[in-house]
Amino acid sequence: AVVWGIGMALEEESMTDQRLGRFMNHDFAEYHIPVNADIQD
């Protein structure tokens, strides 16, 4: 849950192209989530 909280605070965001009404970053390449290097103590 803390890892996800870090993601909420700093990374996770589904971005919408308002012209298309469509989520643009619908994959793990562009939808950013915390990885090992983001998590410390």
PDB file of all heavy atoms in Angstrom:
ATOM      1  N   ALA A   1       0.824  -1.205   0.000  1.00  0.00           N
ATOM      2  CA  ALA A   1       0.000   0.000   0.000  1.00  0.00           C
ATOM      3  C   ALA A   1       0.862   1.262   0.000  1.00  0.00           C
ATOM      4  O   ALA A   1       0.541   2.247  -0.675  1.00  0.00           O
ATOM      5  CB  ALA A   1      -0.924  -0.010   1.216  1.00  0.00           C
ATOM      6  N   VAL A   2       1.961   1.240   0.750  1.00  0.00           N
ATOM      7  CA  VAL A   2       2.865   2.394   0.765  1.00  0.00           C
ATOM      8  C   VAL A   2       3.478   2.597  -0.621  1.00  0.00           C
ATOM      9  O   VAL A   2       3.580   3.732  -1.116  1.00  0.00           O
ATOM     10  CB  VAL A   2       3.960   2.216   1.834  1.00  0.00           C
ATOM     11  CG1 VAL A   2       5.043   3.289   1.675  1.00  0.00           C
ATOM     12  CG2 VAL A   2       3.358   2.293   3.232  1.00  0.00           C
ATOM     13  N   VAL A   3       3.865   1.501  -1.269  1.00  0.00           N
ATOM     14  CA  VAL A   3       4.409   1.606  -2.626  1.00  0.00           C
ATOM     15  C   VAL A   3       3.384   2.255  -3.549  1.00  0.00           C
ATOM     16  O   VAL A   3       3.719   3.147  -4.348  1.00  0.00           O
ATOM     17  CB  VAL A   3       4.829   0.215  -3.153  1.00  0.00           C
ATOM     18  CG1 VAL A   3       5.166   0.283  -4.638  1.00  0.00           C
ATOM     19  CG2 VAL A   3       6.013  -0.321  -2.367  1.00  0.00           C
ATOM     20  N   TRP A   4       2.140   1.823  -3.426  1.00  0.00           N
ATOM     21  CA  TRP A   4       1.100   2.430  -4.263  1.00  0.00           C
ATOM     22  C   TRP A   4       0.897   3.897  -3.889  1.00  0.00           C
ATOM     23  O   TRP A   4       0.691   4.760  -4.754  1.00  0.00           O
ATOM     24  CB  TRP A   4      -0.216   1.670  -4.122  1.00  0.00           C
ATOM     25  CG  TRP A   4      -1.189   1.936  -5.225  1.00  0.00           C
ATOM     26  CD1 TRP A   4      -1.251   3.031  -6.027  1.00  0.00           C
ATOM     27  CD2 TRP A   4      -2.245   1.082  -5.654  1.00  0.00           C
ATOM     28  NE1 TRP A   4      -2.274   2.924  -6.930  1.00  0.00           N
ATOM     29  CE2 TRP A   4      -2.905   1.733  -6.719  1.00  0.00           C
ATOM     30  CE3 TRP A   4      -2.701  -0.156  -5.244  1.00  0.00           C
ATOM     31  CZ2 TRP A   4      -4.004   1.176  -7.359  1.00  0.00           C
ATOM     32  CZ3 TRP A   4      -3.797  -0.705  -5.897  1.00  0.00           C
ATOM     33  CH2 TRP A   4      -4.437  -0.055  -6.936  1.00  0.00           C
ATOM     34  N   GLY A   5       0.988   4.208  -2.596  1.00  0.00           N
ATOM     35  CA  GLY A   5       0.868   5.601  -2.172  1.00  0.00           C
ATOM     36  C   GLY A   5       1.960   6.462  -2.771  1.00  0.00           C
ATOM     37  O   GLY A   5       1.730   7.633  -3.128  1.00  0.00           O
ATOM     38  N   ILE A   6       3.163   5.908  -2.894  1.00  0.00           N
ATOM     39  CA  ILE A   6       4.254   6.625  -3.558  1.00  0.00           C
ATOM     40  C   ILE A   6       3.895   6.853  -5.029  1.00  0.00           C
ATOM     41  O   ILE A   6       4.128   7.931  -5.587  1.00  0.00           O
ATOM     42  CB  ILE A   6       5.572   5.838  -3.419  1.00  0.00           C
ATOM     43  CG1 ILE A   6       6.018   5.826  -1.948  1.00  0.00           C
ATOM     44  CG2 ILE A   6       6.661   6.441  -4.303  1.00  0.00           C
ATOM     45  CD1 ILE A   6       7.194   4.908  -1.665  1.00  0.00           C
ATOM     46  N   GLY A   7       3.300   5.834  -5.654  1.00  0.00           N
ATOM     47  CA  GLY A   7       2.861   5.984  -7.033  1.00  0.00           C
ATOM     48  C   GLY A   7       1.796   7.061  -7.182  1.00  0.00           C
ATOM     49  O   GLY A   7       1.842   7.879  -8.113  1.00  0.00           O
ATOM     50  N   MET A   8       0.829   7.082  -6.260  1.00  0.00           N
ATOM     51  CA  MET A   8      -0.211   8.115  -6.302  1.00  0.00           C
ATOM     52  C   MET A   8       0.392   9.501  -6.157  1.00  0.00           C
ATOM     53  O   MET A   8      -0.028  10.457  -6.812  1.00  0.00           O
ATOM     54  CB  MET A   8      -1.229   7.887  -5.193  1.00  0.00           C
ATOM     55  CG  MET A   8      -2.173   6.727  -5.398  1.00  0.00           C
ATOM     56  SD  MET A   8      -3.493   6.696  -4.144  1.00  0.00           S
ATOM     57  CE  MET A   8      -4.428   8.161  -4.595  1.00  0.00           C
ATOM     58  N   ALA A   9       1.371   9.615  -5.262  1.00  0.00           N
ATOM     59  CA  ALA A   9       1.952  10.919  -4.976  1.00  0.00           C
ATOM     60  C   ALA A   9       2.802  11.441  -6.126  1.00  0.00           C
ATOM     61  O   ALA A   9       2.802  12.656  -6.401  1.00  0.00           O
ATOM     62  CB  ALA A   9       2.793  10.849  -3.707  1.00  0.00           C
ATOM     63  N   LEU A  10       3.517  10.548  -6.813  1.00  0.00           N
ATOM     64  CA  LEU A  10       4.557  10.999  -7.732  1.00  0.00           C
ATOM     65  C   LEU A  10       4.411  10.553  -9.181  1.00  0.00           C
ATOM     66  O   LEU A  10       5.023  11.165 -10.064  1.00  0.00           O
ATOM     67  CB  LEU A  10       5.930  10.522  -7.226  1.00  0.00           C
ATOM     68  CG  LEU A  10       6.336  10.952  -5.818  1.00  0.00           C
ATOM     69  CD1 LEU A  10       7.675  10.332  -5.457  1.00  0.00           C
ATOM     70  CD2 LEU A  10       6.391  12.468  -5.707  1.00  0.00           C
ATOM     71  N   GLU A  11       3.646   9.486  -9.468  1.00  0.00           N
ATOM     72  CA  GLU A  11       3.755   8.900 -10.799  1.00  0.00           C
ATOM     73  C   GLU A  11       2.439   8.573 -11.496  1.00  0.00           C
ATOM     74  O   GLU A  11       2.271   8.865 -12.687  1.00  0.00           O
ATOM     75  CB  GLU A  11       4.600   7.616 -10.720  1.00  0.00           C
ATOM     76  CG  GLU A  11       6.017   7.848 -10.210  1.00  0.00           C
ATOM     77  CD  GLU A  11       6.812   6.558 -10.176  1.00  0.00           C
ATOM     78  OE1 GLU A  11       6.753   5.793 -11.144  1.00  0.00           O
ATOM     79  OE2 GLU A  11       7.485   6.310  -9.159  1.00  0.00           O
ATOM     80  N   GLU A  12       1.490   7.928 -10.813  1.00  0.00           N
ATOM     81  CA  GLU A  12       0.352   7.324 -11.515  1.00  0.00           C
ATOM     82  C   GLU A  12      -0.637   8.368 -12.018  1.00  0.00           C
ATOM     83  O   GLU A  12      -1.160   9.171 -11.247  1.00  0.00           O
ATOM     84  CB  GLU A  12      -0.355   6.322 -10.607  1.00  0.00           C
ATOM     85  CG  GLU A  12       0.488   5.089 -10.337  1.00  0.00           C
ATOM     86  CD  GLU A  12      -0.334   3.929  -9.848  1.00  0.00           C
ATOM     87  OE1 GLU A  12      -1.381   3.640 -10.459  1.00  0.00           O
ATOM     88  OE2 GLU A  12       0.064   3.319  -8.850  1.00  0.00           O
ATOM     89  N   GLU A  13      -0.902   8.304 -13.320  1.00  0.00           N
ATOM     90  CA  GLU A  13      -1.797   9.270 -13.947  1.00  0.00           C
ATOM     91  C   GLU A  13      -2.214   8.755 -15.317  1.00  0.00           C
ATOM     92  O   GLU A  13      -1.381   8.593 -16.206  1.00  0.00           O
ATOM     93  CB  GLU A  13      -1.087  10.620 -14.077  1.00  0.00           C
ATOM     94  CG  GLU A  13      -1.910  11.718 -14.688  1.00  0.00           C
ATOM     95  CD  GLU A  13      -1.159  13.037 -14.733  1.00  0.00           C
ATOM     96  OE1 GLU A  13       0.082  13.042 -14.530  1.00  0.00           O
ATOM     97  OE2 GLU A  13      -1.806  14.071 -14.981  1.00  0.00           O
ATOM     98  N   SER A  14      -3.503   8.490 -15.479  1.00  0.00           N
ATOM     99  CA  SER A  14      -4.025   8.117 -16.797  1.00  0.00           C
ATOM    100  C   SER A  14      -4.393   9.402 -17.528  1.00  0.00           C
ATOM    101  O   SER A  14      -5.292  10.127 -17.111  1.00  0.00           O
ATOM    102  CB  SER A  14      -5.251   7.216 -16.653  1.00  0.00           C
ATOM    103  OG  SER A  14      -4.916   6.021 -15.976  1.00  0.00           O
ATOM    104  N   MET A  15      -3.690   9.679 -18.604  1.00  0.00           N
ATOM    105  CA  MET A  15      -3.845  10.954 -19.307  1.00  0.00           C
ATOM    106  C   MET A  15      -4.819  10.815 -20.470  1.00  0.00           C
ATOM    107  O   MET A  15      -4.729   9.865 -21.249  1.00  0.00           O
ATOM    108  CB  MET A  15      -2.492  11.435 -19.822  1.00  0.00           C
ATOM    109  CG  MET A  15      -1.474  11.684 -18.726  1.00  0.00           C
ATOM    110  SD  MET A  15       0.110  12.239 -19.392  1.00  0.00           S
ATOM    111  CE  MET A  15       1.060  12.436 -17.875  1.00  0.00           C
ATOM    112  N   THR A  16      -5.723  11.763 -20.580  1.00  0.00           N
ATOM    113  CA  THR A  16      -6.752  11.738 -21.614  1.00  0.00           C
ATOM    114  C   THR A  16      -6.452  12.761 -22.698  1.00  0.00           C
ATOM    115  O   THR A  16      -6.166  13.931 -22.401  1.00  0.00           O
ATOM    116  CB  THR A  16      -8.135  12.033 -21.012  1.00  0.00           C
ATOM    117  OG1 THR A  16      -8.423  11.081 -19.990  1.00  0.00           O
ATOM    118  CG2 THR A  16      -9.226  11.976 -22.076  1.00  0.00           C
ATOM    119  N   ASP A  17      -6.519  12.331 -23.935  1.00  0.00           N
ATOM    120  CA  ASP A  17      -6.523  13.256 -25.065  1.00  0.00           C
ATOM    121  C   ASP A  17      -7.961  13.725 -25.213  1.00  0.00           C
ATOM    122  O   ASP A  17      -8.831  12.974 -25.680  1.00  0.00           O
ATOM    123  CB  ASP A  17      -6.035  12.557 -26.330  1.00  0.00           C
ATOM    124  CG  ASP A  17      -5.920  13.507 -27.520  1.00  0.00           C
ATOM    125  OD1 ASP A  17      -6.682  14.488 -27.585  1.00  0.00           O
ATOM    126  OD2 ASP A  17      -5.065  13.252 -28.387  1.00  0.00           O
ATOM    127  N   GLN A  18      -8.238  14.952 -24.785  1.00  0.00           N
ATOM    128  CA  GLN A  18      -9.611  15.440 -24.760  1.00  0.00           C
ATOM    129  C   GLN A  18     -10.214  15.541 -26.158  1.00  0.00           C
ATOM    130  O   GLN A  18     -11.435  15.453 -26.325  1.00  0.00           O
ATOM    131  CB  GLN A  18      -9.683  16.813 -24.062  1.00  0.00           C
ATOM    132  CG  GLN A  18      -9.104  16.843 -22.656  1.00  0.00           C
ATOM    133  CD  GLN A  18      -9.865  15.971 -21.672  1.00  0.00           C
ATOM    134  OE1 GLN A  18     -10.906  15.398 -22.002  1.00  0.00           O
ATOM    135  NE2 GLN A  18      -9.365  15.859 -20.448  1.00  0.00           N
ATOM    136  N   ARG A  19      -9.376  15.691 -27.182  1.00  0.00           N
ATOM    137  CA  ARG A  19      -9.910  15.752 -28.548  1.00  0.00           C
ATOM    138  C   ARG A  19     -10.509  14.416 -28.961  1.00  0.00           C
ATOM    139  O   ARG A  19     -11.491  14.359 -29.700  1.00  0.00           O
ATOM    140  CB  ARG A  19      -8.807  16.141 -29.521  1.00  0.00           C
ATOM    141  CG  ARG A  19      -8.191  17.518 -29.289  1.00  0.00           C
ATOM    142  CD  ARG A  19      -6.928  17.670 -30.104  1.00  0.00           C
ATOM    143  NE  ARG A  19      -5.970  16.609 -29.787  1.00  0.00           N
ATOM    144  CZ  ARG A  19      -4.866  16.372 -30.488  1.00  0.00           C
ATOM    145  NH1 ARG A  19      -4.595  17.108 -31.557  1.00  0.00           N
ATOM    146  NH2 ARG A  19      -4.044  15.398 -30.147  1.00  0.00           N
ATOM    147  N   LEU A  20      -9.900  13.325 -28.474  1.00  0.00           N
ATOM    148  CA  LEU A  20     -10.364  11.984 -28.825  1.00  0.00           C
ATOM    149  C   LEU A  20     -11.203  11.348 -27.715  1.00  0.00           C
ATOM    150  O   LEU A  20     -11.859  10.334 -27.954  1.00  0.00           O
ATOM    151  CB  LEU A  20      -9.163  11.078 -29.127  1.00  0.00           C
ATOM    152  CG  LEU A  20      -8.220  11.533 -30.251  1.00  0.00           C
ATOM    153  CD1 LEU A  20      -7.024  10.595 -30.344  1.00  0.00           C
ATOM    154  CD2 LEU A  20      -8.970  11.586 -31.575  1.00  0.00           C
ATOM    155  N   GLY A  21     -11.149  11.908 -26.510  1.00  0.00           N
ATOM    156  CA  GLY A  21     -11.826  11.302 -25.375  1.00  0.00           C
ATOM    157  C   GLY A  21     -11.247   9.939 -25.044  1.00  0.00           C
ATOM    158  O   GLY A  21     -11.969   9.016 -24.664  1.00  0.00           O
ATOM    159  N   ARG A  22      -9.933   9.828 -25.144  1.00  0.00           N
ATOM    160  CA  ARG A  22      -9.279   8.515 -25.092  1.00  0.00           C
ATOM    161  C   ARG A  22      -8.036   8.590 -24.201  1.00  0.00           C
ATOM    162  O   ARG A  22      -7.285   9.551 -24.240  1.00  0.00           O
ATOM    163  CB  ARG A  22      -8.880   8.105 -26.510  1.00  0.00           C
ATOM    164  CG  ARG A  22      -8.405   6.673 -26.694  1.00  0.00           C
ATOM    165  CD  ARG A  22      -8.020   6.471 -28.158  1.00  0.00           C
ATOM    166  NE  ARG A  22      -7.717   5.085 -28.490  1.00  0.00           N
ATOM    167  CZ  ARG A  22      -8.605   4.199 -28.907  1.00  0.00           C
ATOM    168  NH1 ARG A  22      -9.862   4.566 -29.059  1.00  0.00           N
ATOM    169  NH2 ARG A  22      -8.255   2.956 -29.190  1.00  0.00           N
ATOM    170  N   PHE A  23      -7.843   7.546 -23.386  1.00  0.00           N
ATOM    171  CA  PHE A  23      -6.633   7.469 -22.582  1.00  0.00           C
ATOM    172  C   PHE A  23      -5.447   7.212 -23.504  1.00  0.00           C
ATOM    173  O   PHE A  23      -5.467   6.294 -24.332  1.00  0.00           O
ATOM    174  CB  PHE A  23      -6.734   6.361 -21.530  1.00  0.00           C
ATOM    175  CG  PHE A  23      -7.782   6.634 -20.480  1.00  0.00           C
ATOM    176  CD1 PHE A  23      -8.874   5.787 -20.335  1.00  0.00           C
ATOM    177  CD2 PHE A  23      -7.679   7.732 -19.642  1.00  0.00           C
ATOM    178  CE1 PHE A  23      -9.838   6.030 -19.383  1.00  0.00           C
ATOM    179  CE2 PHE A  23      -8.648   7.993 -18.679  1.00  0.00           C
ATOM    180  CZ  PHE A  23      -9.728   7.140 -18.549  1.00  0.00           C
ATOM    181  N   MET A  24      -4.406   8.010 -23.333  1.00  0.00           N
ATOM    182  CA  MET A  24      -3.251   7.913 -24.238  1.00  0.00           C
ATOM    183  C   MET A  24      -2.205   6.917 -23.744  1.00  0.00           C
ATOM    184  O   MET A  24      -1.577   6.224 -24.547  1.00  0.00           O
ATOM    185  CB  MET A  24      -2.597   9.296 -24.388  1.00  0.00           C
ATOM    186  CG  MET A  24      -3.513  10.357 -24.960  1.00  0.00           C
ATOM    187  SD  MET A  24      -2.645  11.944 -25.123  1.00  0.00           S
ATOM    188  CE  MET A  24      -2.456  12.398 -23.394  1.00  0.00           C
ATOM    189  N   ASN A  25      -1.978   6.873 -22.461  1.00  0.00           N
ATOM    190  CA  ASN A  25      -0.866   6.071 -21.918  1.00  0.00           C
ATOM    191  C   ASN A  25      -1.371   4.749 -21.359  1.00  0.00           C
ATOM    192  O   ASN A  25      -1.218   4.448 -20.186  1.00  0.00           O
ATOM    193  CB  ASN A  25      -0.105   6.864 -20.848  1.00  0.00           C
ATOM    194  CG  ASN A  25      -1.002   7.361 -19.732  1.00  0.00           C
ATOM    195  OD1 ASN A  25      -2.189   7.613 -19.929  1.00  0.00           O
ATOM    196  ND2 ASN A  25      -0.450   7.504 -18.542  1.00  0.00           N
ATOM    197  N   HIS A  26      -1.979   3.940 -22.249  1.00  0.00           N
ATOM    198  CA  HIS A  26      -2.600   2.695 -21.795  1.00  0.00           C
ATOM    199  C   HIS A  26      -1.664   1.495 -21.922  1.00  0.00           C
ATOM    200  O   HIS A  26      -2.032   0.447 -22.468  1.00  0.00           O
ATOM    201  CB  HIS A  26      -3.924   2.444 -22.519  1.00  0.00           C
ATOM    202  CG  HIS A  26      -3.877   2.597 -24.010  1.00  0.00           C
ATOM    203  ND1 HIS A  26      -2.852   2.109 -24.782  1.00  0.00           N
ATOM    204  CD2 HIS A  26      -4.741   3.193 -24.858  1.00  0.00           C
ATOM    205  CE1 HIS A  26      -3.094   2.378 -26.043  1.00  0.00           C
ATOM    206  NE2 HIS A  26      -4.235   3.040 -26.124  1.00  0.00           N
ATOM    207  N   ASP A  27      -0.463   1.636 -21.403  1.00  0.00           N
ATOM    208  CA  ASP A  27       0.471   0.518 -21.337  1.00  0.00           C
ATOM    209  C   ASP A  27       1.502   0.832 -20.264  1.00  0.00           C
ATOM    210  O   ASP A  27       1.568   1.945 -19.747  1.00  0.00           O
ATOM    211  CB  ASP A  27       1.135   0.255 -22.689  1.00  0.00           C
ATOM    212  CG  ASP A  27       1.819   1.490 -23.261  1.00  0.00           C
ATOM    213  OD1 ASP A  27       2.562   2.160 -22.524  1.00  0.00           O
ATOM    214  OD2 ASP A  27       1.599   1.789 -24.446  1.00  0.00           O
ATOM    215  N   PHE A  28       2.327  -0.160 -19.931  1.00  0.00           N
ATOM    216  CA  PHE A  28       3.307   0.035 -18.871  1.00  0.00           C
ATOM    217  C   PHE A  28       4.515   0.852 -19.329  1.00  0.00           C
ATOM    218  O   PHE A  28       5.353   1.226 -18.510  1.00  0.00           O
ATOM    219  CB  PHE A  28       3.770  -1.320 -18.320  1.00  0.00           C
ATOM    220  CG  PHE A  28       2.844  -1.886 -17.294  1.00  0.00           C
ATOM    221  CD1 PHE A  28       2.922  -3.225 -16.942  1.00  0.00           C
ATOM    222  CD2 PHE A  28       1.887  -1.099 -16.668  1.00  0.00           C
ATOM    223  CE1 PHE A  28       2.081  -3.767 -15.980  1.00  0.00           C
ATOM    224  CE2 PHE A  28       1.040  -1.622 -15.715  1.00  0.00           C
ATOM    225  CZ  PHE A  28       1.127  -2.958 -15.365  1.00  0.00           C
ATOM    226  N   ALA A  29       4.619   1.105 -20.620  1.00  0.00           N
ATOM    227  CA  ALA A  29       5.695   1.974 -21.088  1.00  0.00           C
ATOM    228  C   ALA A  29       5.413   3.423 -20.716  1.00  0.00           C
ATOM    229  O   ALA A  29       6.333   4.183 -20.401  1.00  0.00           O
ATOM    230  CB  ALA A  29       5.878   1.832 -22.594  1.00  0.00           C
ATOM    231  N   GLU A  30       4.139   3.809 -20.731  1.00  0.00           N
ATOM    232  CA  GLU A  30       3.773   5.212 -20.515  1.00  0.00           C
ATOM    233  C   GLU A  30       2.965   5.445 -19.238  1.00  0.00           C
ATOM    234  O   GLU A  30       2.917   6.569 -18.753  1.00  0.00           O
ATOM    235  CB  GLU A  30       2.967   5.726 -21.722  1.00  0.00           C
ATOM    236  CG  GLU A  30       3.716   5.650 -23.045  1.00  0.00           C
ATOM    237  CD  GLU A  30       4.955   6.535 -23.067  1.00  0.00           C
ATOM    238  OE1 GLU A  30       4.999   7.524 -22.301  1.00  0.00           O
ATOM    239  OE2 GLU A  30       5.879   6.235 -23.835  1.00  0.00           O
ATOM    240  N   TYR A  31       2.319   4.405 -18.720  1.00  0.00           N
ATOM    241  CA  TYR A  31       1.626   4.549 -17.440  1.00  0.00           C
ATOM    242  C   TYR A  31       2.655   4.240 -16.354  1.00  0.00           C
ATOM    243  O   TYR A  31       3.039   3.092 -16.159  1.00  0.00           O
ATOM    244  CB  TYR A  31       0.435   3.595 -17.344  1.00  0.00           C
ATOM    245  CG  TYR A  31      -0.380   3.773 -16.074  1.00  0.00           C
ATOM    246  CD1 TYR A  31      -1.434   4.679 -16.033  1.00  0.00           C
ATOM    247  CD2 TYR A  31      -0.078   3.049 -14.924  1.00  0.00           C
ATOM    248  CE1 TYR A  31      -2.174   4.852 -14.874  1.00  0.00           C
ATOM    249  CE2 TYR A  31      -0.817   3.222 -13.761  1.00  0.00           C
ATOM    250  CZ  TYR A  31      -1.862   4.121 -13.735  1.00  0.00           C
ATOM    251  OH  TYR A  31      -2.597   4.302 -12.588  1.00  0.00           O
ATOM    252  N   HIS A  32       3.106   5.247 -15.674  1.00  0.00           N
ATOM    253  CA  HIS A  32       4.243   5.095 -14.772  1.00  0.00           C
ATOM    254  C   HIS A  32       3.802   4.599 -13.400  1.00  0.00           C
ATOM    255  O   HIS A  32       2.867   5.133 -12.795  1.00  0.00           O
ATOM    256  CB  HIS A  32       4.982   6.428 -14.632  1.00  0.00           C
ATOM    257  CG  HIS A  32       5.571   6.904 -15.915  1.00  0.00           C
ATOM    258  ND1 HIS A  32       5.955   8.206 -16.138  1.00  0.00           N
ATOM    259  CD2 HIS A  32       5.844   6.246 -17.075  1.00  0.00           C
ATOM    260  CE1 HIS A  32       6.436   8.333 -17.358  1.00  0.00           C
ATOM    261  NE2 HIS A  32       6.366   7.156 -17.950  1.00  0.00           N
ATOM    262  N   ILE A  33       4.491   3.576 -12.931  1.00  0.00           N
ATOM    263  CA  ILE A  33       4.274   3.031 -11.592  1.00  0.00           C
ATOM    264  C   ILE A  33       5.625   2.883 -10.915  1.00  0.00           C
ATOM    265  O   ILE A  33       6.660   2.825 -11.579  1.00  0.00           O
ATOM    266  CB  ILE A  33       3.552   1.669 -11.639  1.00  0.00           C
ATOM    267  CG1 ILE A  33       4.378   0.659 -12.453  1.00  0.00           C
ATOM    268  CG2 ILE A  33       2.144   1.809 -12.206  1.00  0.00           C
ATOM    269  CD1 ILE A  33       3.814  -0.747 -12.444  1.00  0.00           C
ATOM    270  N   PRO A  34       5.660   2.840  -9.587  1.00  0.00           N
ATOM    271  CA  PRO A  34       6.949   2.685  -8.900  1.00  0.00           C
ATOM    272  C   PRO A  34       7.615   1.360  -9.260  1.00  0.00           C
ATOM    273  O   PRO A  34       6.953   0.330  -9.386  1.00  0.00           O
ATOM    274  CB  PRO A  34       6.562   2.715  -7.413  1.00  0.00           C
ATOM    275  CG  PRO A  34       5.246   3.415  -7.372  1.00  0.00           C
ATOM    276  CD  PRO A  34       4.546   3.041  -8.644  1.00  0.00           C
ATOM    277  N   VAL A  35       8.924   1.412  -9.414  1.00  0.00           N
ATOM    278  CA  VAL A  35       9.726   0.215  -9.645  1.00  0.00           C
ATOM    279  C   VAL A  35      10.726   0.092  -8.493  1.00  0.00           C
ATOM    280  O   VAL A  35      10.760   0.921  -7.592  1.00  0.00           O
ATOM    281  CB  VAL A  35      10.445   0.276 -11.007  1.00  0.00           C
ATOM    282  CG1 VAL A  35       9.435   0.288 -12.142  1.00  0.00           C
ATOM    283  CG2 VAL A  35      11.345   1.512 -11.098  1.00  0.00           C
ATOM    284  N   ASN A  36      11.528  -0.963  -8.527  1.00  0.00           N
ATOM    285  CA  ASN A  36      12.443  -1.220  -7.407  1.00  0.00           C
ATOM    286  C   ASN A  36      13.307  -0.018  -7.049  1.00  0.00           C
ATOM    287  O   ASN A  36      13.528   0.275  -5.871  1.00  0.00           O
ATOM    288  CB  ASN A  36      13.331  -2.424  -7.729  1.00  0.00           C
ATOM    289  CG  ASN A  36      12.574  -3.731  -7.671  1.00  0.00           C
ATOM    290  OD1 ASN A  36      11.428  -3.774  -7.246  1.00  0.00           O
ATOM    291  ND2 ASN A  36      13.200  -4.803  -8.105  1.00  0.00           N
ATOM    292  N   ALA A  37      13.806   0.684  -8.047  1.00  0.00           N
ATOM    293  CA  ALA A  37      14.701   1.812  -7.791  1.00  0.00           C
ATOM    294  C   ALA A  37      13.989   2.970  -7.090  1.00  0.00           C
ATOM    295  O   ALA A  37      14.654   3.843  -6.515  1.00  0.00           O
ATOM    296  CB  ALA A  37      15.325   2.294  -9.099  1.00  0.00           C
ATOM    297  N   ASP A  38      12.666   2.992  -7.150  1.00  0.00           N
ATOM    298  CA  ASP A  38      11.902   4.065  -6.501  1.00  0.00           C
ATOM    299  C   ASP A  38      11.667   3.810  -5.022  1.00  0.00           C
ATOM    300  O   ASP A  38      11.268   4.713  -4.285  1.00  0.00           O
ATOM    301  CB  ASP A  38      10.530   4.234  -7.178  1.00  0.00           C
ATOM    302  CG  ASP A  38      10.655   4.653  -8.627  1.00  0.00           C
ATOM    303  OD1 ASP A  38      11.483   5.537  -8.899  1.00  0.00           O
ATOM    304  OD2 ASP A  38       9.934   4.099  -9.471  1.00  0.00           O
ATOM    305  N   ILE A  39      11.855   2.589  -4.586  1.00  0.00           N
ATOM    306  CA  ILE A  39      11.466   2.201  -3.228  1.00  0.00           C
ATOM    307  C   ILE A  39      12.702   1.960  -2.376  1.00  0.00           C
ATOM    308  O   ILE A  39      13.572   1.163  -2.733  1.00  0.00           O
ATOM    309  CB  ILE A  39      10.583   0.932  -3.256  1.00  0.00           C
ATOM    310  CG1 ILE A  39       9.414   1.129  -4.223  1.00  0.00           C
ATOM    311  CG2 ILE A  39      10.101   0.586  -1.865  1.00  0.00           C
ATOM    312  CD1 ILE A  39       8.542   2.341  -3.926  1.00  0.00           C
ATOM    313  N   GLN A  40      12.745   2.642  -1.242  1.00  0.00           N
ATOM    314  CA  GLN A  40      13.856   2.448  -0.323  1.00  0.00           C
ATOM    315  C   GLN A  40      13.322   1.916   1.012  1.00  0.00           C
ATOM    316  O   GLN A  40      12.638   0.899   1.030  1.00  0.00           O
ATOM    317  CB  GLN A  40      14.659   3.746  -0.199  1.00  0.00           C
ATOM    318  CG  GLN A  40      15.298   4.146  -1.540  1.00  0.00           C
ATOM    319  CD  GLN A  40      16.329   5.229  -1.430  1.00  0.00           C
ATOM    320  OE1 GLN A  40      16.961   5.427  -0.404  1.00  0.00           O
ATOM    321  NE2 GLN A  40      16.518   5.977  -2.515  1.00  0.00           N
ATOM    322  N   ASP A  41      13.591   2.573   2.104  1.00  0.00           N
ATOM    323  CA  ASP A  41      13.278   2.023   3.422  1.00  0.00           C
ATOM    324  C   ASP A  41      11.819   2.279   3.799  1.00  0.00           C
ATOM    325  O   ASP A  41      11.379   3.434   3.846  1.00  0.00           O
ATOM    326  CB  ASP A  41      14.202   2.644   4.466  1.00  0.00           C
ATOM    327  CG  ASP A  41      14.004   2.045   5.843  1.00  0.00           C
ATOM    328  OD1 ASP A  41      13.839   0.820   5.931  1.00  0.00           O
ATOM    329  OD2 ASP A  41      13.979   2.805   6.823  1.00  0.00           O
TER     330      ASP A  41
END
